[in-house]
C-alpha atoms as a PDB file:
ATOM      1  CA  MET A   1     -18.608  18.719  -1.294  1.00  0.00           C
ATOM      2  CA  VAL A   2     -17.874  15.327  -2.005  1.00  0.00           C
ATOM      3  CA  TYR A   3     -16.860  14.442  -6.112  1.00  0.00           C
ATOM      4  CA  ARG A   4     -17.841  11.416  -6.748  1.00  0.00           C
ATOM      5  CA  ARG A   5     -15.809  10.458 -10.268  1.00  0.00           C
ATOM      6  CA  PRO A   6     -15.025   6.399  -9.854  1.00  0.00           C
ATOM      7  CA  ALA A   7     -12.627   5.791 -12.721  1.00  0.00           C
ATOM      8  CA  LEU A   8      -9.093   5.984  -9.709  1.00  0.00           C
ATOM      9  CA  SER A   9     -11.265   3.824  -7.194  1.00  0.00           C
ATOM     10  CA  ALA A  10     -12.136   1.357 -10.758  1.00  0.00           C
ATOM     11  CA  VAL A  11      -9.716   0.993 -11.927  1.00  0.00           C
ATOM     12  CA  LEU A  12      -8.067  -0.034  -8.490  1.00  0.00           C
ATOM     13  CA  ILE A  13     -10.135  -2.221  -7.490  1.00  0.00           C
ATOM     14  CA  GLY A  14     -10.222  -3.852 -10.845  1.00  0.00           C
ATOM     15  CA  ALA A  15      -6.690  -3.891 -10.800  1.00  0.00           C
ATOM     16  CA  THR A  16      -6.419  -6.041  -7.363  1.00  0.00           C
ATOM     17  CA  VAL A  17      -9.147  -8.848  -8.207  1.00  0.00           C
ATOM     18  CA  LEU A  18      -6.852  -9.028 -11.527  1.00  0.00           C
ATOM     19  CA  THR A  19      -3.912  -9.496  -9.791  1.00  0.00           C
ATOM     20  CA  SER A  20      -3.445 -13.041  -8.507  1.00  0.00           C
ATOM     21  CA  HIS A  21       0.008 -13.727  -7.016  1.00  0.00           C
ATOM     22  CA  PRO A  22       1.208 -11.550  -3.915  1.00  0.00           C
ATOM     23  CA  ALA A  23       4.499 -10.303  -2.548  1.00  0.00           C
ATOM     24  CA  ASN A  24       4.306  -9.022   0.011  1.00  0.00           C
ATOM     25  CA  ALA A  25       2.834  -8.673   3.758  1.00  0.00           C
ATOM     26  CA  ALA A  26      -0.237  -7.376   4.786  1.00  0.00           C
ATOM     27  CA  LEU A  27      -0.737  -3.795   6.182  1.00  0.00           C
ATOM     28  CA  GLY A  28      -0.691  -4.365  10.125  1.00  0.00           C
ATOM     29  CA  GLY A  29       0.336  -7.596   9.862  1.00  0.00           C
ATOM     30  CA  THR A  30       3.275  -8.941  10.635  1.00  0.00           C
ATOM     31  CA  ALA A  31       6.363  -9.616   7.690  1.00  0.00           C
ATOM     32  CA  ALA A  32       7.246 -12.519   8.146  1.00  0.00           C
ATOM     33  CA  SER A  33       5.880 -13.525   5.022  1.00  0.00           C
ATOM     34  CA  VAL A  34       7.959 -11.117   2.572  1.00  0.00           C
ATOM     35  CA  THR A  35      10.791 -13.169   1.927  1.00  0.00           C
ATOM     36  CA  THR A  36       8.641 -16.386   0.964  1.00  0.00           C
ATOM     37  CA  ASP A  37       6.085 -14.410  -0.981  1.00  0.00           C
ATOM     38  CA  ALA A  38       9.009 -12.694  -2.721  1.00  0.00           C
ATOM     39  CA  LYS A  39      10.855 -15.846  -3.688  1.00  0.00           C
ATOM     40  CA  VAL A  40       6.948 -17.442  -4.895  1.00  0.00           C
ATOM     41  CA  GLN A  41       7.338 -14.071  -7.352  1.00  0.00           C
ATOM     42  CA  ARG A  42      11.358 -14.025  -8.229  1.00  0.00           C
ATOM     43  CA  ALA A  43      10.690 -10.169  -6.509  1.00  0.00           C
ATOM     44  CA  SER A  44      14.114  -9.215  -5.034  1.00  0.00           C
ATOM     45  CA  ILE A  45      14.021  -7.567  -1.684  1.00  0.00           C
ATOM     46  CA  LYS A  46      16.454  -4.625  -0.243  1.00  0.00           C
ATOM     47  CA  SER A  47      16.012  -3.566   3.943  1.00  0.00           C
ATOM     48  CA  THR A  48      16.929  -0.915   5.034  1.00  0.00           C
ATOM     49  CA  GLU A  49      17.368   0.187   8.955  1.00  0.00           C
ATOM     50  CA  MET A  50      16.131   3.574   9.914  1.00  0.00           C
ATOM     51  CA  SER A  51      16.228   4.551  13.300  1.00  0.00           C
ATOM     52  CA  ASN A  52      13.108   3.552  14.650  1.00  0.00           C
ATOM     53  CA  TYR A  53      11.381   1.218  12.055  1.00  0.00           C
ATOM     54  CA  ARG A  54      12.922  -1.014   8.853  1.00  0.00           C
ATOM     55  CA  VAL A  55      12.097  -0.388   4.992  1.00  0.00           C
ATOM     56  CA  GLN A  56      11.742  -3.219   3.074  1.00  0.00           C
ATOM     57  CA  THR A  57      11.826  -2.652  -0.542  1.00  0.00           C
ATOM     58  CA  ILE A  58      10.203  -5.110  -3.233  1.00  0.00           C
ATOM     59  CA  ASP A  59      10.711  -5.134  -6.903  1.00  0.00           C
ATOM     60  CA  LEU A  60       7.892  -6.630  -8.287  1.00  0.00           C
ATOM     61  CA  PRO A  61       7.878  -8.556 -11.796  1.00  0.00           C
ATOM     62  CA  THR A  62       5.430  -5.876 -12.886  1.00  0.00           C
ATOM     63  CA  GLY A  63       8.090  -3.228 -12.311  1.00  0.00           C
ATOM     64  CA  THR A  64       6.277  -1.814  -9.188  1.00  0.00           C
ATOM     65  CA  VAL A  65       8.794  -0.404  -6.499  1.00  0.00           C
ATOM     66  CA  LEU A  66       6.366  -1.636  -3.116  1.00  0.00           C
ATOM     67  CA  ARG A  67       7.767  -0.429  -0.130  1.00  0.00           C
ATOM     68  CA  GLU A  68       6.553  -1.607   3.768  1.00  0.00           C
ATOM     69  CA  TYR A  69       7.448   0.203   6.570  1.00  0.00           C
ATOM     70  CA  VAL A  70       8.173  -2.602   9.556  1.00  0.00           C
ATOM     71  CA  THR A  71       8.164  -1.631  13.125  1.00  0.00           C
ATOM     72  CA  PRO A  72      10.781  -2.743  15.046  1.00  0.00           C
ATOM     73  CA  SER A  73       8.298  -5.675  16.664  1.00  0.00           C
ATOM     74  CA  GLY A  74       7.892  -6.414  12.913  1.00  0.00           C
ATOM     75  CA  SER A  75       4.290  -4.786  12.362  1.00  0.00           C
ATOM     76  CA  VAL A  76       3.603  -3.818   9.211  1.00  0.00           C
ATOM     77  CA  PHE A  77       2.586   0.405   9.716  1.00  0.00           C
ATOM     78  CA  ALA A  78       2.464   2.031   6.661  1.00  0.00           C
ATOM     79  CA  VAL A  79       3.107   0.538   2.952  1.00  0.00           C
ATOM     80  CA  ALA A  80       3.365   2.364  -0.245  1.00  0.00           C
ATOM     81  CA  TRP A  81       4.257   2.491  -3.819  1.00  0.00           C
ATOM     82  CA  ILE A  82       5.059   3.388  -7.512  1.00  0.00           C
ATOM     83  CA  GLY A  83       5.303   1.856 -10.899  1.00  0.00           C
ATOM     84  CA  PRO A  84       3.185   0.761 -13.592  1.00  0.00           C
ATOM     85  CA  ARG A  85       0.938  -1.189 -12.208  1.00  0.00           C
ATOM     86  CA  ILE A  86      -1.190  -1.570  -9.023  1.00  0.00           C
ATOM     87  CA  PRO A  87      -0.232  -4.205  -6.426  1.00  0.00           C
ATOM     88  CA  ASN A  88      -2.817  -6.922  -4.862  1.00  0.00           C
ATOM     89  CA  LEU A  89      -4.101  -4.716  -2.913  1.00  0.00           C
ATOM     90  CA  GLN A  90      -6.314  -7.065  -1.246  1.00  0.00           C
ATOM     91  CA  GLN A  91      -2.901  -8.536   0.177  1.00  0.00           C
ATOM     92  CA  THR A  92      -0.885  -5.877   0.392  1.00  0.00           C
ATOM     93  CA  LEU A  93      -4.127  -3.526   2.579  1.00  0.00           C
ATOM     94  CA  GLY A  94      -4.725  -7.448   4.200  1.00  0.00           C
ATOM     95  CA  THR A  95      -7.586  -6.930   6.908  1.00  0.00           C
ATOM     96  CA  TYR A  96      -7.941  -3.081   5.427  1.00  0.00           C
ATOM     97  CA  PHE A  97      -9.278  -4.216   2.112  1.00  0.00           C
ATOM     98  CA  ASN A  98     -12.718  -4.441   2.946  1.00  0.00           C
ATOM     99  CA  THR A  99     -12.150  -0.497   4.744  1.00  0.00           C
ATOM    100  CA  PHE A 100     -10.910   0.543   1.006  1.00  0.00           C
ATOM    101  CA  VAL A 101     -13.503  -0.863  -1.012  1.00  0.00           C
ATOM    102  CA  THR A 102     -16.117   0.289   1.097  1.00  0.00           C
ATOM    103  CA  GLY A 103     -14.147   3.800   1.600  1.00  0.00           C
ATOM    104  CA  ALA A 104     -13.332   4.245  -2.289  1.00  0.00           C
ATOM    105  CA  GLY A 105     -17.170   4.914  -2.657  1.00  0.00           C
ATOM    106  CA  ALA A 106     -17.408   7.542  -0.188  1.00  0.00           C
ATOM    107  CA  SER A 107     -14.159   9.360  -0.203  1.00  0.00           C
ATOM    108  CA  ARG A 108     -13.928  12.793  -1.841  1.00  0.00           C
ATOM    109  CA  MET A 109     -12.058  11.869  -5.224  1.00  0.00           C
ATOM    110  CA  GLY A 110     -10.573  13.685  -8.016  1.00  0.00           C
ATOM    111  CA  HIS A 111     -10.416  12.260 -11.832  1.00  0.00           C
ATOM    112  CA  HIS A 112      -6.386  10.535 -10.777  1.00  0.00           C
ATOM    113  CA  HIS A 113      -6.832  10.635  -7.071  1.00  0.00           C
ATOM    114  CA  LEU A 114      -7.930   8.922  -4.150  1.00  0.00           C
ATOM    115  CA  LEU A 115      -8.429   9.664  -0.313  1.00  0.00           C
ATOM    116  CA  ILE A 116      -9.575   7.950   2.320  1.00  0.00           C
ATOM    117  CA  ARG A 117      -9.027   9.441   5.726  1.00  0.00           C
ATOM    118  CA  GLN A 118     -10.206   7.623   9.018  1.00  0.00           C
ATOM    119  CA  SER A 119      -8.899   7.632  12.293  1.00  0.00           C
ATOM    120  CA  ASP A 120      -7.152   4.152  12.058  1.00  0.00           C
ATOM    121  CA  PHE A 121      -6.896   3.589   8.640  1.00  0.00           C
ATOM    122  CA  VAL A 122      -5.459   6.507   5.493  1.00  0.00           C
ATOM    123  CA  MET A 123      -4.825   5.681   2.022  1.00  0.00           C
ATOM    124  CA  GLU A 124      -3.858   7.938  -0.592  1.00  0.00           C
ATOM    125  CA  SER A 125      -3.657   6.985  -4.370  1.00  0.00           C
ATOM    126  CA  SER A 126      -3.523   8.544  -7.818  1.00  0.00           C
ATOM    127  CA  GLY A 127      -2.165   7.843 -11.043  1.00  0.00           C
ATOM    128  CA  HIS A 128      -3.126   6.897 -14.888  1.00  0.00           C
ATOM    129  CA  MET A 129      -2.006   3.801 -16.730  1.00  0.00           C
ATOM    130  CA  ARG A 130       1.464   3.173 -15.568  1.00  0.00           C
ATOM    131  CA  ALA A 131       1.989   5.462 -14.000  1.00  0.00           C
ATOM    132  CA  PHE A 132       0.601   5.043  -9.918  1.00  0.00           C
ATOM    133  CA  THR A 133       1.519   6.128  -6.545  1.00  0.00           C
ATOM    134  CA  GLY A 134       0.033   5.599  -3.234  1.00  0.00           C
ATOM    135  CA  ARG A 135       0.410   4.878   0.551  1.00  0.00           C
ATOM    136  CA  ALA A 136      -1.445   3.492   3.182  1.00  0.00           C
ATOM    137  CA  TYR A 137      -0.782   3.507   7.036  1.00  0.00           C
ATOM    138  CA  LEU A 138      -2.334   3.100   9.951  1.00  0.00           C
ATOM    139  CA  PRO A 139      -1.917   6.573  12.222  1.00  0.00           C
ATOM    140  CA  GLN A 140      -1.830   5.043  15.445  1.00  0.00           C
ATOM    141  CA  ALA A 141       0.655   2.330  14.423  1.00  0.00           C
ATOM    142  CA  ILE A 142       3.281   5.388  13.401  1.00  0.00           C
ATOM    143  CA  PRO A 143       6.212   4.852  15.888  1.00  0.00           C
ATOM    144  CA  ALA A 144       6.901   7.906  17.623  1.00  0.00           C
ATOM    145  CA  GLY A 145       9.401  10.398  15.539  1.00  0.00           C
ATOM    146  CA  VAL A 146       8.500   9.210  12.245  1.00  0.00           C
ATOM    147  CA  SER A 147       6.851  11.831   9.509  1.00  0.00           C
ATOM    148  CA  LEU A 148       4.680  11.210   7.118  1.00  0.00           C
ATOM    149  CA  ASP A 149       7.019  12.364   4.738  1.00  0.00           C
ATOM    150  CA  GLU A 150       8.927   9.372   5.065  1.00  0.00           C
ATOM    151  CA  LEU A 151       6.472   7.174   4.164  1.00  0.00           C
ATOM    152  CA  HIS A 152       6.601   7.620   0.488  1.00  0.00           C
END
């Protein structure tokens, strides 16, 4: 059974259109642009080394915290966010943004939840005004030994 309640997907797409300033590298891309983008946005970055990946935590001026999960070679394999605003999903998802837009219209959704599950892209998002959470990841790019529970 497919539930179609466009409320959350409309909010996600609308928030992306209204957000004009990116502050992060794109899913599937490299993390090289994060520092420059953060300076433009006046966002702070904290980097934490894990055993086989790095987490770059970006505190956006909107109050949202964005985490990027980066392989040792510099590829972003997952992103996650929590906060009062949804980050710029076009920038955050990069080349996977069109997959999100297409999937948002066809995926199972509850009133406050969106799930897109494909072989090469997974996105989960939920929330309501001033309280959004979500994550997107590339299953094939997750380093060996990394649990999905770590990507939040």
